């Protein structure tokens, strides 16, 4: 069953920052990355949300999807699933940051 995916204001800001980061390389590359991200939201999280483990920094009830960008950069999509059939994307967090800096 497909769940609705909703992004929190923090995740929206971080995705916008990622968009600027990706556009610095090239518009084509940025479009490719956002197409991948869209697929993660519409297929992976909406249809198979429980596939990924609990997020290593916070534990349950939060889960983490590792979104790799190139060879060195990764982002953790931190999300929670609720009983109303909604996947709440809380953060699009740069995995290179210090884990203690994350607030959910």
N, C-alpha and C. Protein backbone atom coordinates (compact mmCIF):
# COMPACT_ATOMS: atom_id res chain seq x y z
N UNK A 1 0.83 -1.18 0.00
CA UNK A 1 0.00 0.00 0.00
C UNK A 1 0.88 1.25 0.00
N UNK A 2 0.53 2.20 -0.82
CA UNK A 2 1.30 3.44 -0.93
C UNK A 2 0.91 4.43 0.17
N UNK A 3 1.90 4.97 0.81
CA UNK A 3 1.71 6.00 1.83
C UNK A 3 1.97 7.36 1.22
N UNK A 4 1.44 8.39 1.82
CA UNK A 4 1.70 9.76 1.40
C UNK A 4 3.01 10.21 2.05
N UNK A 5 3.88 10.85 1.26
CA UNK A 5 5.15 11.35 1.78
C UNK A 5 5.03 12.86 1.94
N UNK A 6 5.32 13.33 3.17
CA UNK A 6 5.23 14.75 3.50
C UNK A 6 6.59 15.19 4.03
N UNK A 7 7.08 16.36 3.56
CA UNK A 7 8.37 16.86 4.05
C UNK A 7 8.15 17.98 5.06
N UNK A 8 8.92 17.92 6.12
CA UNK A 8 8.91 18.93 7.17
C UNK A 8 9.64 20.19 6.67
N UNK A 9 9.42 21.30 7.33
CA UNK A 9 10.03 22.56 6.94
C UNK A 9 11.56 22.48 6.98
N UNK A 10 12.14 21.76 7.96
CA UNK A 10 13.59 21.60 8.02
C UNK A 10 14.08 20.82 6.82
N UNK A 11 13.40 19.74 6.48
CA UNK A 11 13.79 18.95 5.32
C UNK A 11 13.66 19.77 4.04
N UNK A 12 12.61 20.57 3.93
CA UNK A 12 12.45 21.43 2.75
C UNK A 12 13.64 22.37 2.59
N UNK A 13 14.06 22.98 3.68
CA UNK A 13 15.21 23.89 3.63
C UNK A 13 16.49 23.16 3.22
N UNK A 14 16.68 21.98 3.79
CA UNK A 14 17.88 21.21 3.47
C UNK A 14 17.86 20.72 2.02
N UNK A 15 16.71 20.38 1.51
CA UNK A 15 16.59 19.98 0.10
C UNK A 15 16.86 21.18 -0.80
N UNK A 16 16.38 22.35 -0.42
CA UNK A 16 16.69 23.57 -1.18
C UNK A 16 18.19 23.83 -1.20
N UNK A 17 18.85 23.65 -0.05
CA UNK A 17 20.30 23.82 0.01
C UNK A 17 21.00 22.81 -0.90
N UNK A 18 20.49 21.59 -0.89
CA UNK A 18 21.04 20.56 -1.77
C UNK A 18 20.86 20.96 -3.24
N UNK A 19 19.73 21.56 -3.56
CA UNK A 19 19.49 22.01 -4.93
C UNK A 19 20.51 23.03 -5.38
N UNK A 20 20.85 23.96 -4.50
CA UNK A 20 21.88 24.95 -4.83
C UNK A 20 23.25 24.28 -4.98
N UNK A 21 23.54 23.34 -4.10
CA UNK A 21 24.79 22.58 -4.17
C UNK A 21 24.87 21.81 -5.50
N UNK A 22 23.81 21.14 -5.87
CA UNK A 22 23.80 20.36 -7.11
C UNK A 22 23.90 21.26 -8.33
N UNK A 23 23.23 22.39 -8.31
CA UNK A 23 23.25 23.31 -9.45
C UNK A 23 24.63 23.92 -9.67
N UNK A 24 25.45 23.97 -8.62
CA UNK A 24 26.81 24.49 -8.77
C UNK A 24 27.63 23.62 -9.72
N UNK A 25 27.29 22.33 -9.79
CA UNK A 25 27.99 21.43 -10.72
C UNK A 25 27.48 21.65 -12.13
N UNK A 26 26.18 21.45 -12.31
CA UNK A 26 25.56 21.71 -13.61
C UNK A 26 24.05 21.52 -13.47
N UNK A 27 23.32 22.18 -14.33
CA UNK A 27 21.86 22.05 -14.30
C UNK A 27 21.43 20.62 -14.63
N UNK A 28 22.09 20.00 -15.60
CA UNK A 28 21.75 18.62 -15.97
C UNK A 28 21.99 17.66 -14.81
N UNK A 29 23.12 17.84 -14.14
CA UNK A 29 23.42 16.97 -13.01
C UNK A 29 22.41 17.19 -11.88
N UNK A 30 22.04 18.44 -11.64
CA UNK A 30 21.06 18.75 -10.60
C UNK A 30 19.72 18.10 -10.94
N UNK A 31 19.29 18.19 -12.19
CA UNK A 31 18.02 17.55 -12.59
C UNK A 31 18.08 16.04 -12.38
N UNK A 32 19.23 15.44 -12.70
CA UNK A 32 19.40 13.99 -12.50
C UNK A 32 19.26 13.63 -11.02
N UNK A 33 19.88 14.42 -10.16
CA UNK A 33 19.82 14.14 -8.72
C UNK A 33 18.40 14.31 -8.18
N UNK A 34 17.70 15.33 -8.66
CA UNK A 34 16.32 15.53 -8.19
C UNK A 34 15.37 14.48 -8.74
N UNK A 35 15.66 13.96 -9.91
CA UNK A 35 14.86 12.84 -10.43
C UNK A 35 15.07 11.61 -9.54
N UNK A 36 16.31 11.38 -9.13
CA UNK A 36 16.59 10.28 -8.21
C UNK A 36 15.89 10.48 -6.87
N UNK A 37 15.96 11.71 -6.35
CA UNK A 37 15.33 12.01 -5.07
C UNK A 37 13.81 11.85 -5.15
N UNK A 38 13.24 12.28 -6.25
CA UNK A 38 11.81 12.12 -6.45
C UNK A 38 11.42 10.64 -6.44
N UNK A 39 12.23 9.81 -7.07
CA UNK A 39 11.96 8.37 -7.07
C UNK A 39 12.05 7.79 -5.65
N UNK A 40 13.01 8.26 -4.88
CA UNK A 40 13.12 7.80 -3.49
C UNK A 40 11.82 8.12 -2.75
N UNK A 41 11.32 9.35 -2.91
CA UNK A 41 10.10 9.73 -2.20
C UNK A 41 8.86 9.00 -2.72
N UNK A 42 8.72 8.91 -4.04
CA UNK A 42 7.48 8.36 -4.60
C UNK A 42 7.44 6.84 -4.67
N UNK A 43 8.60 6.21 -4.70
CA UNK A 43 8.62 4.74 -4.79
C UNK A 43 9.17 4.13 -3.51
N UNK A 44 10.41 4.42 -3.20
CA UNK A 44 11.05 3.76 -2.06
C UNK A 44 10.34 4.05 -0.74
N UNK A 45 10.17 5.32 -0.40
CA UNK A 45 9.56 5.64 0.88
C UNK A 45 8.04 5.44 0.87
N UNK A 46 7.39 5.76 -0.21
CA UNK A 46 5.94 5.64 -0.26
C UNK A 46 5.48 4.19 -0.30
N UNK A 47 6.26 3.33 -0.92
CA UNK A 47 5.82 1.94 -1.10
C UNK A 47 6.57 0.92 -0.24
N UNK A 48 7.77 1.25 0.19
CA UNK A 48 8.57 0.28 0.95
C UNK A 48 9.23 0.94 2.15
N UNK A 49 8.50 1.76 2.84
CA UNK A 49 9.01 2.61 3.92
C UNK A 49 9.68 1.86 5.06
N UNK A 50 9.30 0.63 5.31
CA UNK A 50 9.87 -0.11 6.44
C UNK A 50 11.09 -0.93 6.06
N UNK A 51 11.56 -0.78 4.84
CA UNK A 51 12.73 -1.53 4.38
C UNK A 51 14.00 -1.07 5.09
N UNK A 52 14.10 0.20 5.42
CA UNK A 52 15.32 0.76 5.98
C UNK A 52 15.30 0.72 7.50
N UNK A 53 16.48 0.54 8.05
CA UNK A 53 16.64 0.38 9.50
C UNK A 53 16.35 1.68 10.24
N UNK A 54 16.21 1.53 11.54
CA UNK A 54 16.09 2.72 12.37
C UNK A 54 17.36 3.54 12.23
N UNK A 55 17.19 4.85 12.28
CA UNK A 55 18.29 5.77 12.06
C UNK A 55 19.31 5.61 13.18
N UNK A 56 20.58 5.45 12.82
CA UNK A 56 21.63 5.11 13.79
C UNK A 56 21.86 6.19 14.84
N UNK A 57 21.55 7.44 14.55
CA UNK A 57 21.79 8.52 15.51
C UNK A 57 20.69 8.57 16.56
N UNK A 58 19.46 8.36 16.14
CA UNK A 58 18.32 8.55 17.04
C UNK A 58 17.65 7.25 17.49
N UNK A 59 17.71 6.22 16.68
CA UNK A 59 16.99 5.00 16.97
C UNK A 59 15.51 5.16 16.65
N UNK A 60 14.72 4.20 17.11
CA UNK A 60 13.27 4.21 16.84
C UNK A 60 12.64 5.44 17.47
N UNK A 61 11.63 5.99 16.90
CA UNK A 61 10.83 5.54 15.76
C UNK A 61 11.34 6.05 14.41
N UNK A 62 12.50 6.72 14.41
CA UNK A 62 12.99 7.33 13.18
C UNK A 62 13.78 6.31 12.35
N UNK A 63 13.60 6.42 11.04
CA UNK A 63 14.32 5.56 10.11
C UNK A 63 15.22 6.44 9.25
N UNK A 64 16.23 5.83 8.63
CA UNK A 64 17.15 6.58 7.81
C UNK A 64 17.39 5.92 6.46
N UNK A 65 17.28 6.71 5.42
CA UNK A 65 17.56 6.26 4.05
C UNK A 65 18.81 7.02 3.61
N UNK A 66 19.85 6.29 3.21
CA UNK A 66 21.09 6.93 2.78
C UNK A 66 21.01 7.25 1.29
N UNK A 67 21.06 8.53 0.98
CA UNK A 67 21.00 9.03 -0.40
C UNK A 67 22.40 9.47 -0.78
N UNK A 68 23.05 8.66 -1.62
CA UNK A 68 24.43 8.95 -2.02
C UNK A 68 24.44 9.86 -3.25
N UNK A 69 25.34 10.83 -3.20
CA UNK A 69 25.51 11.78 -4.30
C UNK A 69 26.99 11.75 -4.65
N UNK A 70 27.33 11.13 -5.75
CA UNK A 70 28.73 11.01 -6.11
C UNK A 70 29.44 10.03 -5.21
N UNK A 71 30.77 10.14 -5.19
CA UNK A 71 31.57 9.18 -4.41
C UNK A 71 31.77 9.58 -2.97
N UNK A 72 31.65 10.87 -2.67
CA UNK A 72 32.02 11.33 -1.34
C UNK A 72 30.88 11.91 -0.51
N UNK A 73 29.80 12.26 -1.14
CA UNK A 73 28.74 12.97 -0.42
C UNK A 73 27.52 12.07 -0.26
N UNK A 74 26.99 12.06 0.95
CA UNK A 74 25.77 11.31 1.25
C UNK A 74 24.87 12.15 2.15
N UNK A 75 23.59 11.93 1.99
CA UNK A 75 22.60 12.59 2.83
C UNK A 75 21.73 11.52 3.46
N UNK A 76 21.39 11.71 4.71
CA UNK A 76 20.46 10.81 5.40
C UNK A 76 19.08 11.43 5.33
N UNK A 77 18.16 10.69 4.75
CA UNK A 77 16.76 11.11 4.75
C UNK A 77 16.17 10.50 6.01
N UNK A 78 15.94 11.33 7.00
CA UNK A 78 15.43 10.88 8.29
C UNK A 78 13.92 11.04 8.26
N UNK A 79 13.22 9.94 8.54
CA UNK A 79 11.76 9.96 8.43
C UNK A 79 11.11 9.09 9.49
N UNK A 80 9.84 9.32 9.68
CA UNK A 80 9.02 8.52 10.60
C UNK A 80 7.74 8.15 9.88
N UNK A 81 7.22 6.98 10.20
CA UNK A 81 5.98 6.50 9.60
C UNK A 81 4.91 6.54 10.68
N UNK A 82 3.75 7.13 10.34
CA UNK A 82 2.69 7.18 11.35
C UNK A 82 1.51 6.31 10.93
N UNK A 83 0.59 6.15 11.85
CA UNK A 83 -0.57 5.28 11.64
C UNK A 83 -1.56 5.80 10.61
N UNK A 84 -1.44 7.07 10.25
CA UNK A 84 -2.35 7.67 9.28
C UNK A 84 -1.87 7.46 7.85
N UNK A 85 -0.96 6.51 7.67
CA UNK A 85 -0.41 6.19 6.35
C UNK A 85 0.34 7.36 5.74
N UNK A 86 1.15 8.00 6.59
CA UNK A 86 1.96 9.14 6.16
C UNK A 86 3.42 8.87 6.53
N UNK A 87 4.31 9.13 5.58
CA UNK A 87 5.75 9.10 5.83
C UNK A 87 6.17 10.55 6.01
N UNK A 88 6.61 10.89 7.20
CA UNK A 88 7.04 12.25 7.51
C UNK A 88 8.55 12.35 7.35
N UNK A 89 9.00 13.03 6.30
CA UNK A 89 10.42 13.26 6.09
C UNK A 89 10.79 14.46 6.95
N UNK A 90 11.61 14.20 7.97
CA UNK A 90 11.94 15.22 8.95
C UNK A 90 13.21 15.98 8.60
N UNK A 91 14.19 15.28 8.04
CA UNK A 91 15.46 15.91 7.72
C UNK A 91 16.03 15.31 6.44
N UNK A 92 16.79 16.13 5.74
CA UNK A 92 17.62 15.71 4.61
C UNK A 92 19.01 16.13 5.01
N UNK A 93 19.62 15.34 5.87
CA UNK A 93 20.78 15.72 6.66
C UNK A 93 22.07 15.26 6.00
N UNK A 94 23.03 16.16 5.88
CA UNK A 94 24.33 15.82 5.31
C UNK A 94 25.02 14.84 6.25
N UNK A 95 25.28 13.64 5.75
CA UNK A 95 25.85 12.58 6.59
C UNK A 95 27.28 12.86 7.01
N UNK A 96 27.93 13.86 6.42
CA UNK A 96 29.29 14.21 6.79
C UNK A 96 29.37 15.07 8.04
N UNK A 97 28.23 15.51 8.52
CA UNK A 97 28.21 16.37 9.73
C UNK A 97 28.36 15.52 10.99
N UNK A 98 28.74 16.17 12.05
CA UNK A 98 28.85 15.52 13.35
C UNK A 98 27.48 15.02 13.79
N UNK A 99 27.34 13.74 14.14
CA UNK A 99 26.03 13.20 14.53
C UNK A 99 25.35 13.96 15.67
N UNK A 100 26.13 14.51 16.59
CA UNK A 100 25.52 15.22 17.71
C UNK A 100 24.88 16.53 17.28
N UNK A 101 25.15 16.98 16.04
CA UNK A 101 24.57 18.24 15.56
C UNK A 101 23.14 18.07 15.06
N UNK A 102 22.69 16.83 14.93
CA UNK A 102 21.36 16.57 14.39
C UNK A 102 20.29 16.77 15.44
N UNK A 103 19.28 17.54 15.10
CA UNK A 103 18.09 17.69 15.94
C UNK A 103 16.89 17.22 15.15
N UNK A 104 16.12 16.34 15.72
CA UNK A 104 14.92 15.84 15.05
C UNK A 104 13.70 16.34 15.79
